[in-house]
Amino acid sequence: MTLALALVMPALVLPWGAAAATRRLASLLPPREACAALTAAAVLLTGGTVAALIGLFHVPFLASLEQIPLARAAAEWPATVPAAAAAGAVLALQTVRAARRWYAHRSVLARAWASTGDAVSDGDLLVVPDGDPHAFALPAWRGRAGRVVVTTGMLRILGPAERAVLLGHERAHLRGRHHLLSLTADIAAAVHPALRSLRPALDFHLERWADESAATAVGNRRLAATAIARAALAASTAERQPETRGPLLAVGTGPVPQRVEALLRPVPVRPRSHRTRAAVVALAAAVSAAALSGLALAYGLHEYVELAARALHAG
């Protein structure tokens, strides 16, 4: 059973290094591809972690399939029951934490939609009569299509061209279903603590994706940078701050100075140099290997139990 634990532990440790590699990989890619890499890594690493824990939790069950009573398995492999119990407890905790994140996500959406009851509708735009400057993308909810929510206070601060940037930014969030990507990273963080660092990285690249979409829509990167900076600064100085963590992505999310600086540079493109491409491939391979290790080690644990059972029967 010591060998069995040694098989599982790498799957639980590797996500720490894989998360760091994923953040580095995302920094080398354009925003859209960076978001895809971060979300895929969150899903794969979560799956690998859960697979390893399920494999460890099922060791007593696997032993019973080999016609080894639990009492004898515990006598021969003293760590069997404690390790399986620990894995079961962790899985239960992960389930509760993930369910709470999902419930919080839905609760924020419900409250956000309820707060737009007195809003004036104009196509996909909801204008809320509120002096505080705020704007965010409100995802679809119970048959209602997603909307861009903007307060009258924000509209007063921005000029017509800057409003076009702001609306383009929030519409990009809705088109790309960015709230689902954010929710995926949030649930992954509930499964493994190493994956918590992917959430702020994903939030940043989601905002960068929306920034680039807005800049493309208006055809002026400097105008887009100015509008994003003004809107974010205005929102940050408002007296009342909306709950934007989770499904609501606002223009002021993430490190705004870095976002503005990126808009003042040329349009980001995929890596072209051989050295950068090699780094991207190497990082992607490392993250994939770490993510798939959980599945491979869970299978190896199953094979180990079968071999150990045969040896026990032969003895």
Protein backbone atom coordinates (compact mmCIF):
# COMPACT_ATOMS: atom_id res chain seq x y z
CA MET A 1 0.00 0.00 0.00
CA THR A 2 2.98 2.29 0.42
CA LEU A 3 3.56 1.87 -3.31
CA ALA A 4 -0.10 2.66 -3.96
CA LEU A 5 0.19 5.91 -2.07
CA ALA A 6 3.38 6.69 -4.00
CA LEU A 7 1.42 6.20 -7.22
CA VAL A 8 -1.27 8.68 -6.21
CA MET A 9 0.77 11.44 -4.57
CA PRO A 10 2.31 12.80 -7.82
CA ALA A 11 -1.17 13.45 -9.21
CA LEU A 12 -1.93 15.58 -6.14
CA VAL A 13 1.42 17.42 -6.17
CA LEU A 14 1.94 18.04 -9.88
CA PRO A 15 -0.86 20.66 -10.18
CA TRP A 16 1.31 23.11 -8.21
CA GLY A 17 3.93 23.10 -10.95
CA ALA A 18 1.37 22.74 -13.72
CA ALA A 19 -0.53 25.85 -12.58
CA ALA A 20 2.65 27.93 -12.70
CA ALA A 21 3.47 26.53 -16.16
CA THR A 22 -0.05 27.34 -17.36
CA ARG A 23 0.21 30.96 -16.22
CA ARG A 24 3.53 31.26 -18.04
CA LEU A 25 2.02 29.66 -21.15
CA ALA A 26 -0.90 32.11 -21.08
CA SER A 27 1.49 35.06 -20.92
CA LEU A 28 2.98 34.00 -24.27
CA LEU A 29 -0.36 33.77 -26.09
CA PRO A 30 -2.94 36.28 -27.37
CA PRO A 31 -5.86 36.80 -24.96
CA ARG A 32 -8.33 34.42 -26.60
CA GLU A 33 -5.84 31.55 -26.77
CA ALA A 34 -4.62 32.35 -23.25
CA CYS A 35 -8.17 31.97 -21.91
CA ALA A 36 -8.54 28.66 -23.72
CA ALA A 37 -5.26 27.39 -22.26
CA LEU A 38 -6.14 28.45 -18.70
CA THR A 39 -9.63 26.97 -18.84
CA ALA A 40 -8.47 23.71 -20.40
CA ALA A 41 -5.73 23.36 -17.80
CA ALA A 42 -8.22 23.99 -14.99
CA VAL A 43 -10.53 21.27 -16.34
CA LEU A 44 -7.78 18.71 -16.99
CA LEU A 45 -5.98 19.26 -13.70
CA THR A 46 -9.26 19.06 -11.80
CA GLY A 47 -10.09 15.82 -13.58
CA GLY A 48 -6.68 14.35 -12.83
CA THR A 49 -6.94 15.25 -9.14
CA VAL A 50 -10.42 13.80 -8.79
CA ALA A 51 -9.44 10.64 -10.68
CA ALA A 52 -6.47 10.05 -8.35
CA LEU A 53 -8.61 10.52 -5.25
CA ILE A 54 -11.37 8.26 -6.57
CA GLY A 55 -8.77 5.60 -7.33
CA LEU A 56 -7.43 5.76 -3.78
CA PHE A 57 -10.93 5.79 -2.32
CA HIS A 58 -11.82 2.62 -4.25
CA VAL A 59 -8.85 0.53 -3.09
CA PRO A 60 -10.92 -1.40 -0.49
CA PHE A 61 -13.60 -1.97 -3.13
CA LEU A 62 -10.99 -3.23 -5.60
CA ALA A 63 -9.66 -5.56 -2.93
CA SER A 64 -13.17 -6.95 -2.40
CA LEU A 65 -13.45 -7.63 -6.13
CA GLU A 66 -10.33 -9.75 -5.75
CA GLN A 67 -12.14 -11.68 -2.99
CA ILE A 68 -10.02 -10.21 -0.20
CA PRO A 69 -12.13 -9.34 2.90
CA LEU A 70 -11.73 -5.82 4.21
CA ALA A 71 -10.37 -7.07 7.54
CA ARG A 72 -7.63 -9.07 5.83
CA ALA A 73 -6.81 -6.19 3.46
CA ALA A 74 -6.49 -3.86 6.45
CA ALA A 75 -4.27 -6.38 8.24
CA GLU A 76 -2.00 -6.89 5.24
CA TRP A 77 -2.03 -3.24 4.14
CA PRO A 78 -2.57 -1.13 7.28
CA ALA A 79 -2.79 2.12 5.32
CA THR A 80 -5.66 0.90 3.12
CA VAL A 81 -8.63 2.01 5.19
CA PRO A 82 -7.15 5.30 6.54
CA ALA A 83 -5.99 6.34 3.06
CA ALA A 84 -9.35 5.47 1.49
CA ALA A 85 -11.20 7.30 4.27
CA ALA A 86 -9.01 10.37 3.82
CA ALA A 87 -9.59 10.33 0.06
CA GLY A 88 -13.34 9.99 0.61
CA ALA A 89 -13.34 12.91 3.04
CA VAL A 90 -11.44 15.09 0.59
CA LEU A 91 -13.82 14.17 -2.24
CA ALA A 92 -16.81 15.04 -0.05
CA LEU A 93 -15.22 18.38 0.88
CA GLN A 94 -14.49 19.13 -2.78
CA THR A 95 -18.09 18.34 -3.71
CA VAL A 96 -19.45 20.67 -1.04
CA ARG A 97 -17.07 23.47 -1.98
CA ALA A 98 -17.84 23.13 -5.70
CA ALA A 99 -21.58 23.11 -5.00
CA ARG A 100 -21.24 26.25 -2.89
CA ARG A 101 -19.34 28.00 -5.69
CA TRP A 102 -22.09 27.04 -8.15
CA TYR A 103 -24.81 28.25 -5.78
CA ALA A 104 -22.98 31.55 -5.19
CA HIS A 105 -22.69 32.00 -8.96
CA ARG A 106 -26.44 31.53 -9.42
CA SER A 107 -27.25 33.75 -6.44
CA VAL A 108 -25.20 36.64 -7.84
CA LEU A 109 -26.99 36.32 -11.18
CA ALA A 110 -30.40 36.32 -9.50
CA ARG A 111 -29.60 39.43 -7.44
CA ALA A 112 -28.10 41.22 -10.46
CA TRP A 113 -31.18 40.60 -12.58
CA ALA A 114 -33.43 41.70 -9.71
CA SER A 115 -31.50 44.97 -9.45
CA THR A 116 -32.37 45.86 -13.07
CA GLY A 117 -36.10 46.02 -12.46
CA ASP A 118 -36.27 49.79 -13.08
CA ALA A 119 -33.81 49.77 -15.98
CA VAL A 120 -34.66 51.17 -19.40
CA SER A 121 -34.16 48.59 -22.15
CA ASP A 122 -32.58 49.50 -25.49
CA GLY A 123 -31.89 46.32 -27.45
CA ASP A 124 -29.23 44.39 -25.56
CA LEU A 125 -28.58 47.40 -23.30
CA LEU A 126 -30.12 48.02 -19.87
CA VAL A 127 -29.67 51.55 -18.57
CA VAL A 128 -30.07 51.71 -14.79
CA PRO A 129 -30.94 55.09 -13.23
CA ASP A 130 -28.06 55.28 -10.78
CA GLY A 131 -25.59 58.11 -10.20
CA ASP A 132 -22.74 55.71 -9.41
CA PRO A 133 -20.73 54.86 -12.57
CA HIS A 134 -20.91 51.12 -13.22
CA ALA A 135 -21.06 48.79 -16.22
CA PHE A 136 -20.97 45.02 -16.49
CA ALA A 137 -22.05 42.11 -18.66
CA LEU A 138 -25.14 40.37 -17.29
CA PRO A 139 -25.36 36.76 -18.56
CA ALA A 140 -28.59 35.06 -19.63
CA TRP A 141 -30.89 33.98 -16.81
CA ARG A 142 -34.05 31.82 -16.89
CA GLY A 143 -34.97 32.42 -20.50
CA ARG A 144 -33.84 36.05 -20.56
CA ALA A 145 -31.02 36.83 -22.98
CA GLY A 146 -27.80 38.36 -21.71
CA ARG A 147 -27.65 42.13 -21.42
CA VAL A 148 -25.10 44.90 -21.02
CA VAL A 149 -25.92 46.86 -17.86
CA VAL A 150 -24.77 50.49 -17.67
CA THR A 151 -25.75 53.13 -15.14
CA THR A 152 -26.67 56.67 -16.07
CA GLY A 153 -23.72 57.80 -13.99
CA MET A 154 -21.31 55.93 -16.28
CA LEU A 155 -22.97 57.25 -19.43
CA ARG A 156 -22.56 60.83 -18.22
CA ILE A 157 -18.81 60.39 -17.72
CA LEU A 158 -18.02 58.93 -21.14
CA GLY A 159 -18.29 60.57 -24.54
CA PRO A 160 -20.07 58.89 -27.49
CA ALA A 161 -16.91 57.24 -28.86
CA GLU A 162 -15.88 56.04 -25.39
CA ARG A 163 -19.36 54.62 -24.82
CA ALA A 164 -18.92 52.56 -28.00
CA VAL A 165 -15.72 51.11 -26.54
CA LEU A 166 -17.42 50.30 -23.24
CA LEU A 167 -20.38 48.62 -24.90
CA GLY A 168 -18.10 46.69 -27.25
CA HIS A 169 -16.10 45.48 -24.27
CA GLU A 170 -19.14 44.19 -22.36
CA ARG A 171 -20.72 42.68 -25.47
CA ALA A 172 -17.53 40.71 -26.05
CA HIS A 173 -17.99 39.17 -22.59
CA LEU A 174 -21.52 38.10 -23.52
CA ARG A 175 -20.62 36.73 -26.97
CA GLY A 176 -17.71 34.72 -25.60
CA ARG A 177 -19.72 33.41 -22.61
CA HIS A 178 -16.85 34.50 -20.45
CA HIS A 179 -18.84 33.95 -17.25
CA LEU A 180 -18.79 30.19 -17.93
CA LEU A 181 -15.01 30.20 -18.27
CA SER A 182 -14.74 32.16 -15.04
CA LEU A 183 -17.08 29.72 -13.28
CA THR A 184 -14.99 26.78 -14.50
CA ALA A 185 -11.85 28.25 -12.95
CA ASP A 186 -13.76 29.05 -9.76
CA ILE A 187 -14.95 25.46 -9.36
CA ALA A 188 -11.47 24.15 -10.18
CA ALA A 189 -10.09 26.29 -7.36
CA ALA A 190 -12.51 24.54 -5.01
CA VAL A 191 -11.05 21.15 -5.96
CA HIS A 192 -7.31 21.82 -5.60
CA PRO A 193 -5.66 24.80 -3.83
CA ALA A 194 -2.96 24.99 -6.51
CA LEU A 195 -5.61 25.94 -9.07
CA ARG A 196 -6.65 29.08 -7.18
CA SER A 197 -3.89 31.00 -8.95
CA LEU A 198 -5.52 30.31 -12.33
CA ARG A 199 -8.59 32.39 -11.45
CA PRO A 200 -6.97 35.87 -11.33
CA ALA A 201 -4.89 35.01 -14.40
CA LEU A 202 -8.03 34.01 -16.30
CA ASP A 203 -9.88 37.14 -15.17
CA PHE A 204 -7.05 39.28 -16.54
CA HIS A 205 -6.97 37.53 -19.91
CA LEU A 206 -10.78 37.61 -20.20
CA GLU A 207 -10.65 41.37 -19.76
CA ARG A 208 -7.82 41.58 -22.28
CA TRP A 209 -9.91 39.55 -24.74
CA ALA A 210 -12.83 41.96 -24.30
CA ASP A 211 -10.49 44.96 -24.55
CA GLU A 212 -9.10 43.72 -27.86
CA SER A 213 -12.60 43.05 -29.21
CA ALA A 214 -13.66 46.59 -28.31
CA ALA A 215 -10.52 48.07 -29.88
CA THR A 216 -11.18 46.12 -33.08
CA ALA A 217 -14.82 47.25 -33.13
CA VAL A 218 -13.97 50.96 -32.93
CA GLY A 219 -10.78 50.67 -34.99
CA ASN A 220 -8.73 52.83 -32.64
CA ARG A 221 -6.52 51.26 -29.97
CA ARG A 222 -5.63 54.56 -28.30
CA LEU A 223 -9.30 55.50 -28.00
CA ALA A 224 -10.01 52.08 -26.53
CA ALA A 225 -7.21 52.48 -23.97
CA THR A 226 -8.49 55.92 -22.96
CA ALA A 227 -12.10 54.72 -22.62
CA ILE A 228 -11.16 51.66 -20.57
CA ALA A 229 -8.99 53.76 -18.26
CA ARG A 230 -11.70 56.38 -17.71
CA ALA A 231 -14.47 53.85 -17.16
CA ALA A 232 -12.38 51.74 -14.77
CA LEU A 233 -11.24 54.79 -12.81
CA ALA A 234 -14.79 56.07 -12.51
CA ALA A 235 -16.09 52.69 -11.34
CA SER A 236 -13.32 52.38 -8.75
CA THR A 237 -14.23 55.71 -7.15
CA ALA A 238 -17.95 54.94 -6.88
CA GLU A 239 -19.41 54.86 -3.38
CA ARG A 240 -21.26 51.56 -3.90
CA GLN A 241 -19.51 48.67 -5.60
CA PRO A 242 -21.59 45.91 -7.26
CA GLU A 243 -20.73 42.28 -6.62
CA THR A 244 -18.80 41.53 -9.80
CA ARG A 245 -16.87 38.44 -8.72
CA GLY A 246 -18.05 35.32 -10.51
CA PRO A 247 -20.59 35.64 -13.33
CA LEU A 248 -20.51 39.46 -13.61
CA LEU A 249 -17.48 40.73 -15.49
CA ALA A 250 -17.03 44.49 -15.17
CA VAL A 251 -14.84 46.92 -17.08
CA GLY A 252 -12.72 47.58 -13.98
CA THR A 253 -11.86 43.92 -13.34
CA GLY A 254 -8.20 42.96 -13.17
CA PRO A 255 -5.06 45.11 -13.26
CA VAL A 256 -6.26 48.04 -15.37
CA PRO A 257 -2.83 49.70 -15.90
CA GLN A 258 -1.48 46.55 -17.56
CA ARG A 259 -4.59 46.32 -19.72
CA VAL A 260 -4.27 49.93 -20.84
CA GLU A 261 -0.57 49.48 -21.54
CA ALA A 262 -1.33 46.43 -23.69
CA LEU A 263 -3.86 48.44 -25.74
CA LEU A 264 -1.19 51.04 -26.45
CA ARG A 265 0.99 48.35 -28.02
CA PRO A 266 0.38 46.60 -31.38
CA VAL A 267 -2.28 43.93 -31.72
CA PRO A 268 -1.09 40.72 -29.98
CA VAL A 269 -0.35 37.82 -32.32
CA ARG A 270 0.54 34.19 -31.90
CA PRO A 271 4.22 33.43 -31.19
CA ARG A 272 6.30 33.58 -34.36
CA SER A 273 9.87 32.99 -33.26
CA HIS A 274 11.05 29.39 -33.08
CA ARG A 275 12.23 29.87 -29.51
CA THR A 276 8.87 31.15 -28.30
CA ARG A 277 6.99 28.46 -30.19
CA ALA A 278 9.21 25.81 -28.63
CA ALA A 279 8.50 27.28 -25.19
CA VAL A 280 4.75 27.19 -25.86
CA VAL A 281 4.87 23.56 -27.00
CA ALA A 282 7.02 22.54 -24.03
CA LEU A 283 4.75 24.27 -21.52
CA ALA A 284 1.61 22.82 -23.11
CA ALA A 285 3.12 19.33 -23.04
CA ALA A 286 4.13 19.70 -19.39
CA VAL A 287 0.65 20.85 -18.36
CA SER A 288 -1.02 18.06 -20.35
CA ALA A 289 1.27 15.43 -18.82
CA ALA A 290 0.55 16.71 -15.32
CA ALA A 291 -3.19 16.74 -15.97
CA LEU A 292 -3.30 13.25 -17.46
CA SER A 293 -1.11 11.80 -14.73
CA GLY A 294 -4.11 11.49 -12.43
CA LEU A 295 -5.90 9.21 -14.88
CA ALA A 296 -2.75 7.20 -15.57
CA LEU A 297 -1.93 6.82 -11.89
CA ALA A 298 -5.49 5.81 -11.04
CA TYR A 299 -5.21 3.04 -13.64
CA GLY A 300 -1.78 2.09 -12.27
CA LEU A 301 -3.27 1.88 -8.79
CA HIS A 302 -5.91 -0.54 -10.06
CA GLU A 303 -3.23 -2.72 -11.64
CA TYR A 304 -1.17 -2.61 -8.44
CA VAL A 305 -4.09 -3.83 -6.32
CA GLU A 306 -4.66 -6.74 -8.71
CA LEU A 307 -0.99 -7.76 -8.55
CA ALA A 308 -0.90 -7.42 -4.77
CA ALA A 309 -4.05 -9.51 -4.47
CA ARG A 310 -2.60 -12.29 -6.61
CA ALA A 311 0.55 -12.30 -4.50
CA LEU A 312 -1.57 -12.48 -1.34
CA HIS A 313 -3.60 -15.40 -2.69
CA ALA A 314 -0.44 -17.21 -3.83
CA GLY A 315 1.07 -16.76 -0.33
